[in-house]
C-alpha atoms as a PDB file:
ATOM      1  CA  UNK A   1      41.674  43.826 -72.511  1.00  0.00           C
ATOM      2  CA  UNK A   2      38.881  40.980 -72.327  1.00  0.00           C
ATOM      3  CA  UNK A   3      36.983  38.371 -73.829  1.00  0.00           C
ATOM      4  CA  UNK A   4      34.221  36.415 -73.728  1.00  0.00           C
ATOM      5  CA  UNK A   5      34.212  31.948 -73.845  1.00  0.00           C
ATOM      6  CA  UNK A   6      31.368  30.331 -74.918  1.00  0.00           C
ATOM      7  CA  UNK A   7      30.296  27.364 -76.441  1.00  0.00           C
ATOM      8  CA  UNK A   8      27.841  25.085 -77.598  1.00  0.00           C
ATOM      9  CA  UNK A   9      25.784  23.165 -75.350  1.00  0.00           C
ATOM     10  CA  UNK A  10      23.115  21.663 -75.143  1.00  0.00           C
ATOM     11  CA  UNK A  11      22.731  19.436 -77.739  1.00  0.00           C
ATOM     12  CA  UNK A  12      21.866  15.560 -76.187  1.00  0.00           C
ATOM     13  CA  UNK A  13      18.853  14.427 -76.426  1.00  0.00           C
ATOM     14  CA  UNK A  14      16.501  11.782 -75.839  1.00  0.00           C
ATOM     15  CA  UNK A  15      18.854   9.005 -74.639  1.00  0.00           C
ATOM     16  CA  UNK A  16      21.862  10.200 -76.399  1.00  0.00           C
ATOM     17  CA  UNK A  17      24.097  12.425 -74.432  1.00  0.00           C
ATOM     18  CA  UNK A  18      26.214  14.396 -76.578  1.00  0.00           C
ATOM     19  CA  UNK A  19      29.488  16.643 -75.074  1.00  0.00           C
ATOM     20  CA  UNK A  20      30.633  18.247 -71.456  1.00  0.00           C
ATOM     21  CA  UNK A  21      28.649  20.655 -71.139  1.00  0.00           C
ATOM     22  CA  UNK A  22      28.683  20.592 -66.696  1.00  0.00           C
ATOM     23  CA  UNK A  23      32.682  20.466 -66.830  1.00  0.00           C
ATOM     24  CA  UNK A  24      32.427  23.334 -69.708  1.00  0.00           C
ATOM     25  CA  UNK A  25      30.053  25.702 -67.472  1.00  0.00           C
ATOM     26  CA  UNK A  26      33.127  25.876 -65.250  1.00  0.00           C
ATOM     27  CA  UNK A  27      35.066  27.932 -67.991  1.00  0.00           C
ATOM     28  CA  UNK A  28      33.292  29.866 -70.238  1.00  0.00           C
ATOM     29  CA  UNK A  29      31.202  32.944 -69.997  1.00  0.00           C
ATOM     30  CA  UNK A  30      28.194  32.408 -72.290  1.00  0.00           C
ATOM     31  CA  UNK A  31      26.789  29.184 -73.663  1.00  0.00           C
ATOM     32  CA  UNK A  32      24.727  28.393 -77.179  1.00  0.00           C
ATOM     33  CA  UNK A  33      22.145  26.429 -76.274  1.00  0.00           C
ATOM     34  CA  UNK A  34      20.734  24.398 -78.713  1.00  0.00           C
ATOM     35  CA  UNK A  35      16.653  24.375 -79.848  1.00  0.00           C
ATOM     36  CA  UNK A  36      15.806  21.323 -80.777  1.00  0.00           C
ATOM     37  CA  UNK A  37      16.030  21.724 -84.475  1.00  0.00           C
ATOM     38  CA  UNK A  38      19.562  20.079 -85.088  1.00  0.00           C
ATOM     39  CA  UNK A  39      20.474  18.865 -81.654  1.00  0.00           C
ATOM     40  CA  UNK A  40      18.550  18.970 -77.515  1.00  0.00           C
ATOM     41  CA  UNK A  41      14.958  18.560 -77.003  1.00  0.00           C
ATOM     42  CA  UNK A  42      12.567  20.258 -74.818  1.00  0.00           C
ATOM     43  CA  UNK A  43      13.963  18.601 -71.839  1.00  0.00           C
ATOM     44  CA  UNK A  44      17.102  19.208 -72.245  1.00  0.00           C
ATOM     45  CA  UNK A  45      16.634  23.115 -73.304  1.00  0.00           C
ATOM     46  CA  UNK A  46      14.710  22.991 -69.769  1.00  0.00           C
ATOM     47  CA  UNK A  47      17.974  21.589 -67.989  1.00  0.00           C
ATOM     48  CA  UNK A  48      20.508  23.382 -69.471  1.00  0.00           C
ATOM     49  CA  UNK A  49      18.887  26.951 -69.100  1.00  0.00           C
ATOM     50  CA  UNK A  50      18.586  26.115 -65.441  1.00  0.00           C
ATOM     51  CA  UNK A  51      22.042  24.654 -65.039  1.00  0.00           C
ATOM     52  CA  UNK A  52      23.853  27.794 -66.615  1.00  0.00           C
ATOM     53  CA  UNK A  53      21.419  29.814 -64.227  1.00  0.00           C
ATOM     54  CA  UNK A  54      22.919  28.530 -61.002  1.00  0.00           C
ATOM     55  CA  UNK A  55      26.495  29.113 -63.316  1.00  0.00           C
ATOM     56  CA  UNK A  56      25.869  32.825 -64.429  1.00  0.00           C
ATOM     57  CA  UNK A  57      26.384  32.266 -67.600  1.00  0.00           C
ATOM     58  CA  UNK A  58      25.128  34.614 -70.183  1.00  0.00           C
ATOM     59  CA  UNK A  59      21.931  32.505 -72.155  1.00  0.00           C
ATOM     60  CA  UNK A  60      21.992  32.654 -75.841  1.00  0.00           C
ATOM     61  CA  UNK A  61      19.893  30.861 -78.288  1.00  0.00           C
ATOM     62  CA  UNK A  62      21.505  28.528 -81.031  1.00  0.00           C
ATOM     63  CA  UNK A  63      19.105  28.211 -83.937  1.00  0.00           C
ATOM     64  CA  UNK A  64      20.024  25.615 -86.537  1.00  0.00           C
ATOM     65  CA  UNK A  65      18.548  23.902 -89.974  1.00  0.00           C
ATOM     66  CA  UNK A  66      16.530  20.961 -88.791  1.00  0.00           C
ATOM     67  CA  UNK A  67      18.699  18.247 -89.498  1.00  0.00           C
ATOM     68  CA  UNK A  68      19.343  15.742 -86.616  1.00  0.00           C
ATOM     69  CA  UNK A  69      20.582  13.664 -88.411  1.00  0.00           C
ATOM     70  CA  UNK A  70      23.661  15.586 -90.195  1.00  0.00           C
ATOM     71  CA  UNK A  71      23.729  17.549 -86.721  1.00  0.00           C
ATOM     72  CA  UNK A  72      22.831  21.335 -88.743  1.00  0.00           C
ATOM     73  CA  UNK A  73      25.805  21.076 -90.771  1.00  0.00           C
ATOM     74  CA  UNK A  74      24.686  20.267 -93.795  1.00  0.00           C
ATOM     75  CA  UNK A  75      23.591  23.139 -96.290  1.00  0.00           C
ATOM     76  CA  UNK A  76      19.731  23.280 -96.869  1.00  0.00           C
ATOM     77  CA  UNK A  77      18.076  25.340 -99.634  1.00  0.00           C
ATOM     78  CA  UNK A  78      15.730  28.113 -97.547  1.00  0.00           C
ATOM     79  CA  UNK A  79      14.116  30.933 -98.586  1.00  0.00           C
ATOM     80  CA  UNK A  80      14.901  33.528 -96.384  1.00  0.00           C
ATOM     81  CA  UNK A  81      10.974  34.138 -95.687  1.00  0.00           C
ATOM     82  CA  UNK A  82      11.385  30.221 -93.882  1.00  0.00           C
ATOM     83  CA  UNK A  83      15.100  31.210 -92.363  1.00  0.00           C
ATOM     84  CA  UNK A  84      13.127  34.097 -90.794  1.00  0.00           C
ATOM     85  CA  UNK A  85      10.529  31.682 -89.865  1.00  0.00           C
ATOM     86  CA  UNK A  86      11.931  28.772 -88.259  1.00  0.00           C
ATOM     87  CA  UNK A  87      14.537  30.783 -86.368  1.00  0.00           C
ATOM     88  CA  UNK A  88      11.631  32.890 -84.530  1.00  0.00           C
ATOM     89  CA  UNK A  89      10.168  29.593 -83.483  1.00  0.00           C
ATOM     90  CA  UNK A  90      13.887  28.022 -82.118  1.00  0.00           C
ATOM     91  CA  UNK A  91      14.187  31.401 -80.284  1.00  0.00           C
ATOM     92  CA  UNK A  92      10.573  31.989 -79.286  1.00  0.00           C
ATOM     93  CA  UNK A  93      10.792  28.083 -78.171  1.00  0.00           C
ATOM     94  CA  UNK A  94      14.050  28.640 -75.659  1.00  0.00           C
ATOM     95  CA  UNK A  95      12.767  32.042 -74.509  1.00  0.00           C
ATOM     96  CA  UNK A  96      10.013  30.569 -73.126  1.00  0.00           C
ATOM     97  CA  UNK A  97      12.390  28.129 -70.776  1.00  0.00           C
ATOM     98  CA  UNK A  98      14.155  31.592 -69.819  1.00  0.00           C
ATOM     99  CA  UNK A  99      11.084  33.075 -69.142  1.00  0.00           C
ATOM    100  CA  UNK A 100      10.224  29.911 -66.770  1.00  0.00           C
ATOM    101  CA  UNK A 101      13.698  30.077 -64.921  1.00  0.00           C
ATOM    102  CA  UNK A 102      13.264  33.980 -64.998  1.00  0.00           C
ATOM    103  CA  UNK A 103      16.154  34.405 -66.646  1.00  0.00           C
ATOM    104  CA  UNK A 104      17.357  36.896 -69.713  1.00  0.00           C
ATOM    105  CA  UNK A 105      18.001  35.797 -73.268  1.00  0.00           C
ATOM    106  CA  UNK A 106      21.109  37.612 -73.779  1.00  0.00           C
ATOM    107  CA  UNK A 107      22.266  36.288 -77.313  1.00  0.00           C
ATOM    108  CA  UNK A 108      21.604  34.718 -80.707  1.00  0.00           C
ATOM    109  CA  UNK A 109      23.616  32.132 -82.352  1.00  0.00           C
ATOM    110  CA  UNK A 110      22.669  30.631 -85.217  1.00  0.00           C
ATOM    111  CA  UNK A 111      24.229  26.919 -85.796  1.00  0.00           C
ATOM    112  CA  UNK A 112      26.717  25.001 -88.406  1.00  0.00           C
ATOM    113  CA  UNK A 113      25.147  25.142 -91.713  1.00  0.00           C
ATOM    114  CA  UNK A 114      23.075  28.219 -91.031  1.00  0.00           C
ATOM    115  CA  UNK A 115      25.791  30.474 -89.608  1.00  0.00           C
ATOM    116  CA  UNK A 116      28.171  29.742 -92.084  1.00  0.00           C
ATOM    117  CA  UNK A 117      25.043  30.553 -94.992  1.00  0.00           C
ATOM    118  CA  UNK A 118      24.875  33.643 -93.266  1.00  0.00           C
ATOM    119  CA  UNK A 119      28.454  34.232 -92.909  1.00  0.00           C
ATOM    120  CA  UNK A 120      28.513  34.581 -96.698  1.00  0.00           C
ATOM    121  CA  UNK A 121      24.791  35.248 -98.245  1.00  0.00           C
ATOM    122  CA  UNK A 122      23.368  38.527 -97.050  1.00  0.00           C
ATOM    123  CA  UNK A 123      19.658  37.968 -97.641  1.00  0.00           C
ATOM    124  CA  UNK A 124      19.539  35.132 -95.474  1.00  0.00           C
ATOM    125  CA  UNK A 125      21.672  37.375 -92.690  1.00  0.00           C
ATOM    126  CA  UNK A 126      18.930  39.553 -93.020  1.00  0.00           C
ATOM    127  CA  UNK A 127      16.479  37.012 -91.911  1.00  0.00           C
ATOM    128  CA  UNK A 128      18.028  35.879 -88.804  1.00  0.00           C
ATOM    129  CA  UNK A 129      18.724  39.834 -87.979  1.00  0.00           C
ATOM    130  CA  UNK A 130      14.868  40.164 -88.506  1.00  0.00           C
ATOM    131  CA  UNK A 131      14.270  36.924 -86.030  1.00  0.00           C
ATOM    132  CA  UNK A 132      16.300  38.696 -83.651  1.00  0.00           C
ATOM    133  CA  UNK A 133      14.788  41.897 -83.886  1.00  0.00           C
ATOM    134  CA  UNK A 134      11.733  40.828 -83.623  1.00  0.00           C
ATOM    135  CA  UNK A 135      11.519  38.190 -80.770  1.00  0.00           C
ATOM    136  CA  UNK A 136      14.500  39.834 -78.446  1.00  0.00           C
ATOM    137  CA  UNK A 137      15.498  43.670 -79.895  1.00  0.00           C
ATOM    138  CA  UNK A 138      17.584  43.995 -76.743  1.00  0.00           C
ATOM    139  CA  UNK A 139      19.595  40.412 -77.902  1.00  0.00           C
ATOM    140  CA  UNK A 140      23.310  40.451 -79.277  1.00  0.00           C
ATOM    141  CA  UNK A 141      23.336  38.934 -82.171  1.00  0.00           C
ATOM    142  CA  UNK A 142      26.584  37.144 -82.102  1.00  0.00           C
ATOM    143  CA  UNK A 143      28.614  36.473 -85.817  1.00  0.00           C
ATOM    144  CA  UNK A 144      31.239  35.940 -87.629  1.00  0.00           C
ATOM    145  CA  UNK A 145      34.114  38.200 -87.478  1.00  0.00           C
ATOM    146  CA  UNK A 146      33.768  40.534 -90.876  1.00  0.00           C
ATOM    147  CA  UNK A 147      30.383  38.788 -92.187  1.00  0.00           C
ATOM    148  CA  UNK A 148      27.221  39.457 -92.979  1.00  0.00           C
ATOM    149  CA  UNK A 149      25.785  38.925 -90.687  1.00  0.00           C
ATOM    150  CA  UNK A 150      27.525  41.373 -88.361  1.00  0.00           C
ATOM    151  CA  UNK A 151      26.379  43.949 -91.271  1.00  0.00           C
ATOM    152  CA  UNK A 152      22.853  42.524 -91.387  1.00  0.00           C
ATOM    153  CA  UNK A 153      23.118  42.603 -87.247  1.00  0.00           C
ATOM    154  CA  UNK A 154      24.397  46.609 -87.147  1.00  0.00           C
ATOM    155  CA  UNK A 155      21.603  47.572 -90.159  1.00  0.00           C
ATOM    156  CA  UNK A 156      18.851  47.067 -87.750  1.00  0.00           C
ATOM    157  CA  UNK A 157      20.510  48.347 -85.208  1.00  0.00           C
ATOM    158  CA  UNK A 158      21.124  45.588 -83.158  1.00  0.00           C
ATOM    159  CA  UNK A 159      23.733  44.681 -80.472  1.00  0.00           C
ATOM    160  CA  UNK A 160      26.494  42.289 -82.239  1.00  0.00           C
ATOM    161  CA  UNK A 161      29.680  40.745 -80.942  1.00  0.00           C
ATOM    162  CA  UNK A 162      32.065  39.449 -84.136  1.00  0.00           C
ATOM    163  CA  UNK A 163      32.944  35.515 -83.493  1.00  0.00           C
ATOM    164  CA  UNK A 164      36.342  34.188 -83.817  1.00  0.00           C
ATOM    165  CA  UNK A 165      36.966  30.300 -82.820  1.00  0.00           C
ATOM    166  CA  UNK A 166      39.519  28.237 -80.581  1.00  0.00           C
ATOM    167  CA  UNK A 167      39.446  25.508 -82.644  1.00  0.00           C
ATOM    168  CA  UNK A 168      38.102  25.907 -86.147  1.00  0.00           C
ATOM    169  CA  UNK A 169      41.025  26.582 -88.974  1.00  0.00           C
ATOM    170  CA  UNK A 170      40.397  29.978 -91.486  1.00  0.00           C
ATOM    171  CA  UNK A 171      40.475  30.463 -95.426  1.00  0.00           C
ATOM    172  CA  UNK A 172      41.775  33.400 -97.043  1.00  0.00           C
ATOM    173  CA  UNK A 173      38.481  34.930 -97.409  1.00  0.00           C
ATOM    174  CA  UNK A 174      38.168  34.604 -93.561  1.00  0.00           C
ATOM    175  CA  UNK A 175      35.393  32.349 -93.424  1.00  0.00           C
ATOM    176  CA  UNK A 176      35.561  28.958 -91.251  1.00  0.00           C
ATOM    177  CA  UNK A 177      36.992  25.401 -93.804  1.00  0.00           C
ATOM    178  CA  UNK A 178      34.813  23.395 -94.343  1.00  0.00           C
ATOM    179  CA  UNK A 179      34.472  20.318 -91.987  1.00  0.00           C
ATOM    180  CA  UNK A 180      34.644  18.196 -95.108  1.00  0.00           C
ATOM    181  CA  UNK A 181      38.826  18.297 -94.712  1.00  0.00           C
ATOM    182  CA  UNK A 182      40.424  16.654 -92.144  1.00  0.00           C
ATOM    183  CA  UNK A 183      42.753  20.184 -91.560  1.00  0.00           C
ATOM    184  CA  UNK A 184      39.243  22.053 -90.409  1.00  0.00           C
ATOM    185  CA  UNK A 185      39.398  21.579 -86.587  1.00  0.00           C
ATOM    186  CA  UNK A 186      42.181  21.983 -84.454  1.00  0.00           C
ATOM    187  CA  UNK A 187      42.576  19.018 -81.430  1.00  0.00           C
ATOM    188  CA  UNK A 188      45.305  20.043 -79.508  1.00  0.00           C
ATOM    189  CA  UNK A 189      45.854  22.479 -76.809  1.00  0.00           C
ATOM    190  CA  UNK A 190      48.714  23.698 -78.156  1.00  0.00           C
ATOM    191  CA  UNK A 191      47.842  24.561 -81.438  1.00  0.00           C
ATOM    192  CA  UNK A 192      44.528  26.208 -80.306  1.00  0.00           C
ATOM    193  CA  UNK A 193      46.573  28.365 -77.463  1.00  0.00           C
ATOM    194  CA  UNK A 194      48.651  29.760 -80.613  1.00  0.00           C
ATOM    195  CA  UNK A 195      45.063  30.342 -82.433  1.00  0.00           C
ATOM    196  CA  UNK A 196      43.633  32.293 -79.227  1.00  0.00           C
ATOM    197  CA  UNK A 197      46.928  34.575 -78.850  1.00  0.00           C
ATOM    198  CA  UNK A 198      46.503  35.194 -82.242  1.00  0.00           C
ATOM    199  CA  UNK A 199      43.466  36.110 -81.591  1.00  0.00           C
ATOM    200  CA  UNK A 200      43.226  38.041 -78.383  1.00  0.00           C
ATOM    201  CA  UNK A 201      46.641  40.123 -78.558  1.00  0.00           C
ATOM    202  CA  UNK A 202      47.098  40.284 -82.104  1.00  0.00           C
ATOM    203  CA  UNK A 203      43.952  40.619 -83.961  1.00  0.00           C
ATOM    204  CA  UNK A 204      44.726  38.200 -86.232  1.00  0.00           C
ATOM    205  CA  UNK A 205      44.429  34.704 -87.237  1.00  0.00           C
ATOM    206  CA  UNK A 206      46.793  32.315 -89.324  1.00  0.00           C
ATOM    207  CA  UNK A 207      44.839  30.679 -92.445  1.00  0.00           C
ATOM    208  CA  UNK A 208      45.192  27.236 -94.099  1.00  0.00           C
ATOM    209  CA  UNK A 209      47.282  28.507 -96.846  1.00  0.00           C
ATOM    210  CA  UNK A 210      49.793  30.069 -93.936  1.00  0.00           C
ATOM    211  CA  UNK A 211      49.008  33.932 -94.592  1.00  0.00           C
ATOM    212  CA  UNK A 212      47.578  35.904 -91.680  1.00  0.00           C
ATOM    213  CA  UNK A 213      44.173  38.095 -92.112  1.00  0.00           C
ATOM    214  CA  UNK A 214      42.798  40.906 -89.643  1.00  0.00           C
ATOM    215  CA  UNK A 215      40.322  39.435 -86.921  1.00  0.00           C
ATOM    216  CA  UNK A 216      38.815  41.285 -83.807  1.00  0.00           C
ATOM    217  CA  UNK A 217      37.075  39.150 -82.185  1.00  0.00           C
ATOM    218  CA  UNK A 218      34.523  39.971 -79.166  1.00  0.00           C
ATOM    219  CA  UNK A 219      34.237  36.574 -78.481  1.00  0.00           C
ATOM    220  CA  UNK A 220      35.199  33.115 -78.654  1.00  0.00           C
ATOM    221  CA  UNK A 221      33.675  29.578 -79.745  1.00  0.00           C
ATOM    222  CA  UNK A 222      34.861  26.221 -78.099  1.00  0.00           C
ATOM    223  CA  UNK A 223      32.605  23.583 -80.003  1.00  0.00           C
ATOM    224  CA  UNK A 224      30.623  21.935 -77.607  1.00  0.00           C
ATOM    225  CA  UNK A 225      31.279  18.299 -79.348  1.00  0.00           C
ATOM    226  CA  UNK A 226      34.616  18.495 -79.173  1.00  0.00           C
ATOM    227  CA  UNK A 227      37.366  16.555 -78.120  1.00  0.00           C
ATOM    228  CA  UNK A 228      38.480  17.300 -74.939  1.00  0.00           C
ATOM    229  CA  UNK A 229      37.104  20.112 -75.039  1.00  0.00           C
ATOM    230  CA  UNK A 230      36.145  20.964 -71.322  1.00  0.00           C
ATOM    231  CA  UNK A 231      39.914  20.231 -70.130  1.00  0.00           C
ATOM    232  CA  UNK A 232      41.294  22.070 -73.684  1.00  0.00           C
ATOM    233  CA  UNK A 233      38.974  25.525 -72.143  1.00  0.00           C
ATOM    234  CA  UNK A 234      40.184  25.459 -69.088  1.00  0.00           C
ATOM    235  CA  UNK A 235      43.758  25.684 -69.980  1.00  0.00           C
ATOM    236  CA  UNK A 236      43.470  28.308 -72.528  1.00  0.00           C
ATOM    237  CA  UNK A 237      40.952  30.228 -69.936  1.00  0.00           C
ATOM    238  CA  UNK A 238      43.777  30.019 -67.274  1.00  0.00           C
ATOM    239  CA  UNK A 239      46.797  30.905 -69.842  1.00  0.00           C
ATOM    240  CA  UNK A 240      44.419  34.309 -70.257  1.00  0.00           C
ATOM    241  CA  UNK A 241      44.035  34.622 -66.907  1.00  0.00           C
ATOM    242  CA  UNK A 242      48.068  34.198 -66.365  1.00  0.00           C
ATOM    243  CA  UNK A 243      48.494  36.933 -69.515  1.00  0.00           C
ATOM    244  CA  UNK A 244      46.006  39.200 -67.561  1.00  0.00           C
ATOM    245  CA  UNK A 245      43.266  39.179 -69.867  1.00  0.00           C
ATOM    246  CA  UNK A 246      39.866  39.077 -68.489  1.00  0.00           C
ATOM    247  CA  UNK A 247      37.445  36.885 -69.129  1.00  0.00           C
ATOM    248  CA  UNK A 248      33.784  38.158 -69.441  1.00  0.00           C
ATOM    249  CA  UNK A 249      30.463  37.965 -71.462  1.00  0.00           C
ATOM    250  CA  UNK A 250      30.508  40.349 -74.125  1.00  0.00           C
ATOM    251  CA  UNK A 251      26.919  42.312 -71.897  1.00  0.00           C
ATOM    252  CA  UNK A 252      29.533  42.429 -68.995  1.00  0.00           C
END
């Protein structure tokens, strides 16, 4: 049994420091690096790729809506063609830094509201998948388990990775609960461990209504801007290893 642990990183920009990237790099196996639209900037992208390479992590692009003020977590009305161009632009920017550091761009994972929209909207999902195929056809497309994004990737013949979340709550449709609700994020390590245990060992997750839904995951995400995220991720990785789960990137 194996699982990939990923985190959204490289979300600092200018004078603003966000997240616990360096500590997280010791615990995860894949990184999703912000591409400058919802967070990050050219200097942060460059240094984060370099540090991820040094830590031997699988490197992915994390494109989002152009919404620094809302951290990319606010929905935006965009045509599929605009989403395609926006994602091409961001993947291309991060790929340039990967080329500079002679490391492969291994995956693409949309961020925030773009990710959530693509989970339900097949046209937006198709636009993102097409952007991945056109720019990095050998990359893995990360998407929410059982989502339109995974279906879109498979339709185009892309490699896909089904993603679950250690620190986010689910509704009965398998979607992430809106962050507007107080119950949307798990903060306590015991709650996070219980959710990861259900995902990895039982292929299911408990929803906010108390029901359980089926969920098979290849990778589990920890949000890089979450409270005590490095400490919690370290505890979860140690628990997984102690329970004979191999923690490896999806491509290994």
